[in-house]
Amino acid sequence: MKICVIGLGYVGLPLLFSLTKKFNVTGFDISKKKIDQLQNNADYTGEVSNKKLKKINFNVTNKKSELKNFDVYIVCVPTPVFKNKNPNLNFIKQSSKIVGNAIKGSKLKPVIVLESTVYPGCSEEICIPIIEKYSNLKLNKEFYFGYSPERINPGISKHKLNNTTKIISSSEKTSLKKLKKIYRSITKKIYVAQNIKTAEAAKVIENIQRDLNIALMNELSMIFNRIDINTKDVLKAAATKWNFSNYEPGLVGGHCIGVDPYYMSYLTKKIGLNKNNMILAGRKTNEYMNNFIIKNLFRLIRLKGMKLKKSKILILGYTFKENCNDVRNSKILEIFKQLKNKVDKVDLFDPIARNDQELIYFKKNILRKLDYKKKYNAVILAVKHDYFIKMNVKKILSLCDNNKLFFDLKGVFDKSYSVFRL
């Protein structure tokens, strides 16, 4: 069985490497830079070391002409939102067109599988019609369509592709058997959804639920900060009850939790149900957290008798989550933008962040290493990387001036060391 994985990012690459152990697989990405890096045994996502890459026998290309005659095409492309928060389906549309052209004239009855997060009904409304148009083939006659939402957790995590339940669905039973064979070979457990739309819905609500729970913790954190009790202490006590769900406050960035609620919100408006207050309630709270942190930073700087305009700030960590090199939609970088014109200097340091094109705006402020002789009016530990956890807290405090304004946002160290935490 020949398989083609389209889109070699944080979802597509782990899938490619896993499938390569069992099948004849080719990875495709429109980015020549990504393909060149992979062919030189460098994984830009940081998920696989160069040493391990050299041992994996894989094939990748950026040439559309090499996408003919595959039995299965698995699409793993980004699904972001526009500035107005409407779904940006350009990558979905582009990949559907690429697949449509690739299977034109095919006698193999290929299966096209989408793994990207979308709103329920998107596959049937957007992907399938485009594939039919460019292939001149008909669904369930000359090709089949499936949906198997990704559950990739980038960075250091116990939840990986091989030990995470994989939802699968398809447009008809024959192709579903093929998908069972493929995914059972790389994951311990699969779950067959009733249909494609159900599988799409299951994926998108996973992150909406998480967004809402984190928003609740963020709102409670703001209350507890005002009445001077420690949020972590409260959660630790509450967690002694058997049915308490343990979530923590924090900055919600990245390309999943902070995006998916807008896909469902878009659908509710599309079908004439404008009552989606609960879905977006979490977004409002989580988007406000940047301002909450900055307001407390400014308050404490002024309380110490320092002038805001002359202040120097150091931010430790700027990826969107801990132990992950991905900087896309990082809320810490948004905090930087808000601080930049209000204080004298803001430096950024992250030992594992990927040097993306997106970081050009921040280039002058990014430190390659820490200078412990340099003193800052405030230091913000923003991301709970293992690197920072292993650092001696006194080493971090040595970067502060005599006022010791240390913001430990995630409560990495004992509360006695910091003046603020969520």
Protein backbone atom coordinates (compact mmCIF):
# COMPACT_ATOMS: atom_id res chain seq x y z
CA MET A 1 0.00 0.00 0.00
CA LYS A 2 1.42 3.39 -1.04
CA ILE A 3 0.64 6.36 1.21
CA CYS A 4 1.28 10.07 0.72
CA VAL A 5 1.31 12.47 3.70
CA ILE A 6 0.57 16.04 2.63
CA GLY A 7 1.81 18.78 4.99
CA LEU A 8 4.96 18.06 6.98
CA GLY A 9 4.50 20.09 10.15
CA TYR A 10 3.96 19.10 13.77
CA VAL A 11 1.19 16.70 12.70
CA GLY A 12 2.39 15.40 9.34
CA LEU A 13 5.99 14.64 10.28
CA PRO A 14 5.33 12.29 13.24
CA LEU A 15 2.70 10.56 11.09
CA LEU A 16 5.17 10.18 8.20
CA PHE A 17 7.86 8.69 10.44
CA SER A 18 5.41 6.25 12.06
CA LEU A 19 3.88 5.08 8.78
CA THR A 20 7.29 4.64 7.13
CA LYS A 21 7.98 1.73 9.49
CA LYS A 22 5.01 -0.20 8.04
CA PHE A 23 4.24 1.13 4.55
CA ASN A 24 5.71 2.68 1.41
CA VAL A 25 5.26 6.37 2.29
CA THR A 26 6.12 9.70 0.68
CA GLY A 27 5.84 13.05 2.45
CA PHE A 28 4.91 16.19 0.53
CA ASP A 29 5.16 19.85 1.49
CA ILE A 30 5.02 22.97 -0.69
CA SER A 31 7.93 24.43 1.30
CA LYS A 32 11.24 23.66 -0.42
CA LYS A 33 13.04 24.83 2.72
CA LYS A 34 11.33 22.16 4.85
CA ILE A 35 12.10 19.45 2.30
CA ASP A 36 15.76 20.51 2.06
CA GLN A 37 16.09 20.43 5.85
CA LEU A 38 14.55 16.97 6.10
CA GLN A 39 16.74 15.64 3.29
CA ASN A 40 19.70 16.94 5.30
CA ASN A 41 18.42 15.03 8.35
CA ALA A 42 17.18 18.09 10.23
CA ASP A 43 13.67 18.15 11.73
CA TYR A 44 12.69 21.79 12.15
CA THR A 45 9.92 20.85 14.62
CA GLY A 46 12.51 19.48 17.04
CA GLU A 47 10.46 16.30 17.55
CA VAL A 48 13.10 13.98 16.05
CA SER A 49 16.85 14.40 16.57
CA ASN A 50 19.24 14.54 13.60
CA LYS A 51 20.79 11.29 14.83
CA LYS A 52 17.44 9.45 14.77
CA LEU A 53 16.51 10.96 11.41
CA LYS A 54 19.57 9.40 9.82
CA LYS A 55 18.28 5.97 10.85
CA ILE A 56 14.79 6.50 9.38
CA ASN A 57 14.35 5.57 5.73
CA PHE A 58 11.88 8.17 4.46
CA ASN A 59 11.06 9.91 1.20
CA VAL A 60 9.96 13.57 0.93
CA THR A 61 9.28 15.93 -1.95
CA ASN A 62 7.89 19.34 -2.84
CA LYS A 63 7.10 18.34 -6.43
CA LYS A 64 3.41 17.91 -7.22
CA SER A 65 4.30 15.74 -10.22
CA GLU A 66 5.44 13.02 -7.79
CA LEU A 67 2.02 12.66 -6.14
CA LYS A 68 0.49 10.27 -8.67
CA ASN A 69 -0.54 6.65 -8.05
CA PHE A 70 -0.94 6.52 -4.27
CA ASP A 71 -3.56 4.37 -2.56
CA VAL A 72 -4.03 6.81 0.34
CA TYR A 73 -3.47 10.56 0.76
CA ILE A 74 -3.41 11.91 4.31
CA VAL A 75 -3.77 15.70 4.55
CA CYS A 76 -2.22 17.43 7.58
CA VAL A 77 -2.29 21.16 6.87
CA PRO A 78 -2.83 24.15 9.22
CA THR A 79 -6.31 25.59 9.81
CA PRO A 80 -5.76 29.06 11.31
CA VAL A 81 -8.16 32.01 11.48
CA PHE A 82 -8.15 35.39 9.76
CA LYS A 83 -7.83 38.65 11.72
CA ASN A 84 -11.63 38.81 11.91
CA LYS A 85 -11.52 35.32 13.55
CA ASN A 86 -13.27 33.58 10.66
CA PRO A 87 -11.77 30.22 9.60
CA ASN A 88 -8.89 30.50 7.15
CA LEU A 89 -9.46 27.48 4.92
CA ASN A 90 -6.91 28.45 2.27
CA PHE A 91 -4.55 25.58 3.15
CA ILE A 92 -7.45 23.11 3.11
CA LYS A 93 -8.61 24.36 -0.29
CA GLN A 94 -5.09 24.34 -1.73
CA SER A 95 -4.36 20.80 -0.55
CA SER A 96 -7.75 19.57 -1.86
CA LYS A 97 -6.87 21.02 -5.26
CA ILE A 98 -3.43 19.36 -5.16
CA VAL A 99 -4.98 15.97 -4.28
CA GLY A 100 -7.68 16.41 -6.93
CA ASN A 101 -5.08 16.95 -9.65
CA ALA A 102 -2.94 14.09 -8.32
CA ILE A 103 -5.74 11.48 -8.51
CA LYS A 104 -7.08 12.61 -11.88
CA GLY A 105 -7.45 9.54 -14.08
CA SER A 106 -6.57 7.17 -11.22
CA LYS A 107 -7.92 3.62 -11.35
CA LEU A 108 -6.83 2.86 -7.77
CA LYS A 109 -9.94 4.26 -6.03
CA PRO A 110 -7.75 6.17 -3.57
CA VAL A 111 -8.76 7.20 -0.06
CA ILE A 112 -8.20 10.83 0.93
CA VAL A 113 -8.00 11.39 4.70
CA LEU A 114 -8.12 14.79 6.38
CA GLU A 115 -6.45 15.19 9.79
CA SER A 116 -6.71 18.98 10.14
CA THR A 117 -9.13 20.50 12.66
CA VAL A 118 -12.23 21.92 10.97
CA TYR A 119 -15.86 22.70 11.82
CA PRO A 120 -18.43 19.86 11.42
CA GLY A 121 -19.42 19.58 7.77
CA CYS A 122 -16.30 21.20 6.33
CA SER A 123 -15.08 18.01 4.61
CA GLU A 124 -18.39 17.58 2.78
CA GLU A 125 -18.86 21.28 1.96
CA ILE A 126 -15.31 22.28 1.04
CA CYS A 127 -12.86 19.42 0.52
CA ILE A 128 -14.88 16.82 -1.36
CA PRO A 129 -16.38 19.22 -3.97
CA ILE A 130 -12.90 20.64 -4.76
CA ILE A 131 -11.41 17.14 -5.11
CA GLU A 132 -14.30 16.10 -7.39
CA LYS A 133 -13.87 19.25 -9.50
CA TYR A 134 -10.13 18.87 -10.14
CA SER A 135 -10.07 15.06 -10.43
CA ASN A 136 -13.24 14.59 -12.49
CA LEU A 137 -13.92 11.64 -10.17
CA LYS A 138 -16.96 10.96 -7.99
CA LEU A 139 -16.99 10.30 -4.25
CA ASN A 140 -17.64 6.64 -3.30
CA LYS A 141 -17.37 5.60 -6.94
CA GLU A 142 -13.82 6.49 -7.96
CA PHE A 143 -12.39 7.79 -4.67
CA TYR A 144 -13.25 7.74 -0.96
CA PHE A 145 -12.90 10.29 1.80
CA GLY A 146 -12.09 9.87 5.49
CA TYR A 147 -11.54 12.06 8.51
CA SER A 148 -9.16 11.18 11.33
CA PRO A 149 -8.46 14.20 13.56
CA GLU A 150 -4.91 14.68 14.79
CA ARG A 151 -4.16 14.49 18.50
CA ILE A 152 -0.53 15.49 18.38
CA ASN A 153 0.96 17.02 21.52
CA PRO A 154 4.25 18.64 20.47
CA GLY A 155 7.14 18.94 22.89
CA ILE A 156 8.06 16.67 25.79
CA SER A 157 4.88 14.72 26.50
CA LYS A 158 3.75 11.22 27.44
CA HIS A 159 0.91 11.58 24.92
CA LYS A 160 2.31 10.58 21.54
CA LEU A 161 0.90 9.15 18.34
CA ASN A 162 1.53 5.51 19.28
CA ASN A 163 -0.28 5.65 22.65
CA THR A 164 -3.17 8.00 21.86
CA THR A 165 -6.63 6.82 20.78
CA LYS A 166 -7.17 7.68 17.11
CA ILE A 167 -10.65 8.55 15.87
CA ILE A 168 -11.36 7.38 12.34
CA SER A 169 -14.32 7.83 10.00
CA SER A 170 -14.99 7.37 6.31
CA SER A 171 -17.51 7.97 3.56
CA GLU A 172 -18.17 4.21 3.16
CA LYS A 173 -17.32 0.80 4.64
CA THR A 174 -14.64 -0.51 2.23
CA SER A 175 -12.36 2.48 2.74
CA LEU A 176 -13.02 2.36 6.50
CA LYS A 177 -11.45 -1.12 6.59
CA LYS A 178 -8.37 0.28 4.87
CA LEU A 179 -8.12 3.10 7.41
CA LYS A 180 -8.45 0.63 10.29
CA LYS A 181 -5.50 -1.34 8.91
CA ILE A 182 -3.36 1.79 8.52
CA TYR A 183 -4.02 3.41 11.88
CA ARG A 184 -4.01 0.17 13.88
CA SER A 185 -0.44 -0.36 12.68
CA ILE A 186 0.78 2.86 14.35
CA THR A 187 -1.56 3.47 17.32
CA LYS A 188 -2.60 1.24 20.22
CA LYS A 189 -6.29 2.05 20.02
CA ILE A 190 -8.72 3.39 17.42
CA TYR A 191 -12.29 4.60 17.77
CA VAL A 192 -14.66 4.45 14.80
CA ALA A 193 -16.97 7.47 14.68
CA GLN A 194 -20.47 7.12 13.22
CA ASN A 195 -19.65 9.44 10.31
CA ILE A 196 -17.23 12.16 9.16
CA LYS A 197 -19.24 15.02 10.61
CA THR A 198 -19.31 13.38 14.05
CA ALA A 199 -15.53 12.93 13.98
CA GLU A 200 -15.05 16.59 12.96
CA ALA A 201 -17.28 17.71 15.83
CA ALA A 202 -15.49 15.49 18.37
CA LYS A 203 -12.15 17.06 17.49
CA VAL A 204 -13.20 20.68 17.62
CA ILE A 205 -15.00 20.40 20.97
CA GLU A 206 -11.94 18.82 22.65
CA ASN A 207 -10.14 22.14 22.51
CA ILE A 208 -13.23 24.26 23.21
CA GLN A 209 -13.71 22.36 26.46
CA ARG A 210 -10.06 22.93 27.42
CA ASP A 211 -10.28 26.62 26.50
CA LEU A 212 -13.30 27.09 28.76
CA ASN A 213 -11.72 25.25 31.70
CA ILE A 214 -8.50 27.25 31.48
CA ALA A 215 -10.55 30.45 31.21
CA LEU A 216 -12.35 29.54 34.45
CA MET A 217 -8.99 29.04 36.19
CA ASN A 218 -7.74 32.36 34.78
CA GLU A 219 -10.79 34.19 36.09
CA LEU A 220 -10.37 32.57 39.52
CA SER A 221 -6.68 33.47 39.45
CA MET A 222 -7.56 37.14 38.94
CA ILE A 223 -9.93 36.97 41.93
CA PHE A 224 -7.40 35.19 44.14
CA ASN A 225 -4.68 37.68 43.23
CA ARG A 226 -6.95 40.52 44.33
CA ILE A 227 -7.67 38.94 47.73
CA ASP A 228 -4.04 37.86 48.18
CA ILE A 229 -4.30 34.06 48.21
CA ASN A 230 -2.23 31.67 46.13
CA THR A 231 -4.12 30.05 43.22
CA LYS A 232 -1.93 26.95 43.28
CA ASP A 233 -2.67 26.43 46.99
CA VAL A 234 -6.41 26.73 46.35
CA LEU A 235 -6.32 24.23 43.46
CA LYS A 236 -4.23 21.79 45.50
CA ALA A 237 -6.83 21.85 48.28
CA ALA A 238 -9.79 21.58 45.87
CA ALA A 239 -8.17 18.64 44.06
CA THR A 240 -8.64 16.49 47.18
CA LYS A 241 -12.27 16.02 46.09
CA TRP A 242 -12.71 12.92 43.90
CA ASN A 243 -14.47 14.65 41.00
CA PHE A 244 -12.53 17.92 40.83
CA SER A 245 -11.05 18.57 37.35
CA ASN A 246 -7.50 19.82 37.70
CA TYR A 247 -6.76 22.68 35.30
CA GLU A 248 -4.26 25.51 35.79
CA PRO A 249 -4.41 29.19 34.85
CA GLY A 250 -2.11 30.30 32.03
CA LEU A 251 -1.60 32.00 28.68
CA VAL A 252 -3.48 30.19 25.92
CA GLY A 253 -1.63 30.48 22.63
CA GLY A 254 -0.69 28.11 19.85
CA HIS A 255 -2.71 26.92 16.90
CA CYS A 256 -5.35 24.70 18.56
CA ILE A 257 -7.03 25.82 21.79
CA GLY A 258 -6.97 29.51 20.91
CA VAL A 259 -8.28 28.88 17.38
CA ASP A 260 -10.82 26.03 17.42
CA PRO A 261 -13.61 27.88 19.29
CA TYR A 262 -13.82 30.30 16.37
CA TYR A 263 -14.44 27.39 13.97
CA MET A 264 -17.45 26.25 15.98
CA SER A 265 -18.63 29.83 16.43
CA TYR A 266 -18.46 30.29 12.66
CA LEU A 267 -20.61 27.20 12.18
CA THR A 268 -23.26 28.33 14.67
CA LYS A 269 -23.67 31.63 12.82
CA LYS A 270 -23.66 29.80 9.49
CA ILE A 271 -26.61 27.61 10.53
CA GLY A 272 -28.50 30.53 12.07
CA LEU A 273 -27.80 29.86 15.75
CA ASN A 274 -26.31 33.07 17.09
CA LYS A 275 -26.44 31.97 20.74
CA ASN A 276 -22.83 30.84 21.05
CA ASN A 277 -21.96 32.88 24.14
CA MET A 278 -20.54 29.93 26.06
CA ILE A 279 -18.23 28.82 23.23
CA LEU A 280 -16.56 32.23 23.00
CA ALA A 281 -16.75 33.14 26.71
CA GLY A 282 -13.44 31.40 27.34
CA ARG A 283 -11.81 33.29 24.49
CA LYS A 284 -12.66 36.68 26.03
CA THR A 285 -11.14 35.75 29.38
CA ASN A 286 -8.05 34.08 27.96
CA GLU A 287 -7.38 36.92 25.53
CA TYR A 288 -7.50 39.35 28.46
CA MET A 289 -4.74 37.62 30.45
CA ASN A 290 -1.96 39.54 28.66
CA ASN A 291 -3.44 42.81 29.93
CA PHE A 292 -3.88 41.40 33.43
CA ILE A 293 -0.19 40.47 33.64
CA ILE A 294 0.99 43.79 32.20
CA LYS A 295 -1.24 45.82 34.55
CA ASN A 296 0.24 44.01 37.55
CA LEU A 297 3.76 44.48 36.19
CA PHE A 298 3.25 48.24 35.79
CA ARG A 299 1.60 48.49 39.20
CA LEU A 300 4.54 46.84 40.96
CA ILE A 301 7.13 48.84 39.03
CA ARG A 302 5.44 52.08 40.11
CA LEU A 303 5.04 50.78 43.67
CA LYS A 304 8.81 50.36 43.85
CA GLY A 305 9.22 54.01 42.84
CA MET A 306 10.65 53.23 39.39
CA LYS A 307 9.76 55.11 36.21
CA LEU A 308 7.99 52.98 33.65
CA LYS A 309 9.71 54.54 30.64
CA LYS A 310 13.16 53.79 32.07
CA SER A 311 12.39 50.19 33.02
CA LYS A 312 14.24 47.19 31.62
CA ILE A 313 12.35 43.89 31.43
CA LEU A 314 13.56 40.33 30.74
CA ILE A 315 11.12 37.66 29.54
CA LEU A 316 12.25 34.04 29.95
CA GLY A 317 10.52 31.78 27.43
CA TYR A 318 8.42 32.82 24.44
CA THR A 319 7.20 29.62 22.76
CA PHE A 320 3.45 29.01 23.02
CA LYS A 321 3.87 26.11 25.49
CA GLU A 322 6.51 24.41 27.62
CA ASN A 323 9.19 22.14 26.12
CA CYS A 324 8.05 22.92 22.58
CA ASN A 325 9.94 25.04 20.05
CA ASP A 326 6.81 26.38 18.31
CA VAL A 327 6.37 30.16 18.53
CA ARG A 328 3.18 30.47 16.45
CA ASN A 329 0.44 32.50 18.15
CA SER A 330 2.56 32.87 21.28
CA LYS A 331 0.86 35.10 23.86
CA ILE A 332 4.26 35.97 25.31
CA LEU A 333 5.26 37.58 22.04
CA GLU A 334 2.04 39.59 22.21
CA ILE A 335 3.01 40.74 25.72
CA PHE A 336 6.36 41.84 24.27
CA LYS A 337 4.61 43.96 21.64
CA GLN A 338 2.47 45.62 24.30
CA LEU A 339 5.51 46.37 26.45
CA LYS A 340 7.90 47.47 23.71
CA ASN A 341 6.80 51.10 23.42
CA LYS A 342 6.03 51.62 27.10
CA VAL A 343 9.34 50.67 28.71
CA ASP A 344 12.98 51.38 27.90
CA LYS A 345 13.95 47.82 26.94
CA VAL A 346 12.50 44.32 26.73
CA ASP A 347 14.80 41.34 26.20
CA LEU A 348 13.61 37.85 25.23
CA PHE A 349 15.38 34.58 25.95
CA ASP A 350 14.25 31.06 25.05
CA PRO A 351 16.80 28.24 24.77
CA ILE A 352 14.60 25.95 22.66
CA ALA A 353 12.50 28.30 20.49
CA ARG A 354 12.63 27.72 16.75
CA ASN A 355 14.21 30.56 14.79
CA ASP A 356 11.14 31.23 12.65
CA GLN A 357 10.53 33.87 10.02
CA GLU A 358 7.88 35.14 12.43
CA LEU A 359 10.62 36.22 14.84
CA ILE A 360 12.14 38.84 12.50
CA TYR A 361 10.13 41.57 14.27
CA PHE A 362 11.68 40.53 17.60
CA LYS A 363 15.20 39.86 16.33
CA LYS A 364 16.91 42.84 17.99
CA ASN A 365 15.46 41.88 21.36
CA ILE A 366 16.23 38.15 21.31
CA LEU A 367 19.17 37.06 23.47
CA ARG A 368 21.21 34.04 22.42
CA LYS A 369 22.51 33.63 25.96
CA LEU A 370 21.96 35.24 29.35
CA ASP A 371 24.40 37.81 30.71
CA TYR A 372 24.31 37.49 34.50
CA LYS A 373 26.18 40.77 34.92
CA LYS A 374 23.21 42.56 33.38
CA LYS A 375 20.41 43.64 35.74
CA TYR A 376 16.72 44.07 34.97
CA ASN A 377 14.00 45.93 36.85
CA ALA A 378 11.71 42.94 36.36
CA VAL A 379 12.15 39.34 35.19
CA ILE A 380 9.17 37.36 33.88
CA LEU A 381 9.40 33.56 33.78
CA ALA A 382 6.70 33.01 31.17
CA VAL A 383 7.14 29.41 29.98
CA LYS A 384 7.68 26.34 32.15
CA HIS A 385 10.50 24.79 30.10
CA ASP A 386 12.47 22.03 31.83
CA TYR A 387 15.52 24.20 31.10
CA PHE A 388 14.24 26.90 33.46
CA ILE A 389 13.05 24.41 36.08
CA LYS A 390 16.58 23.01 36.24
CA MET A 391 18.03 26.50 36.66
CA ASN A 392 18.72 27.53 40.22
CA VAL A 393 16.09 30.11 41.19
CA LYS A 394 18.83 32.22 42.75
CA LYS A 395 20.49 32.34 39.34
CA ILE A 396 17.29 33.78 37.86
CA LEU A 397 16.92 36.22 40.76
CA SER A 398 20.51 37.40 40.15
CA LEU A 399 19.23 38.88 36.88
CA CYS A 400 16.93 41.19 38.89
CA ASP A 401 18.05 44.47 40.43
CA ASN A 402 17.71 45.08 44.18
CA ASN A 403 13.90 45.34 43.90
CA LYS A 404 13.66 41.61 43.02
CA LEU A 405 10.57 41.94 40.85
CA PHE A 406 10.30 38.31 39.72
CA PHE A 407 7.11 37.20 37.94
CA ASP A 408 6.82 33.40 38.08
CA LEU A 409 3.69 33.08 35.94
CA LYS A 410 3.32 29.29 36.17
CA GLY A 411 4.51 28.92 39.77
CA VAL A 412 7.65 26.98 38.86
CA PHE A 413 9.48 27.86 42.09
CA ASP A 414 8.40 28.34 45.69
CA LYS A 415 5.99 31.26 46.05
CA SER A 416 8.35 33.07 48.42
CA TYR A 417 10.68 33.92 45.52
CA SER A 418 8.16 35.74 43.30
CA VAL A 419 6.05 38.88 43.63
CA PHE A 420 3.42 37.67 41.14
CA ARG A 421 2.09 34.40 39.73
CA LEU A 422 -1.15 33.37 38.09
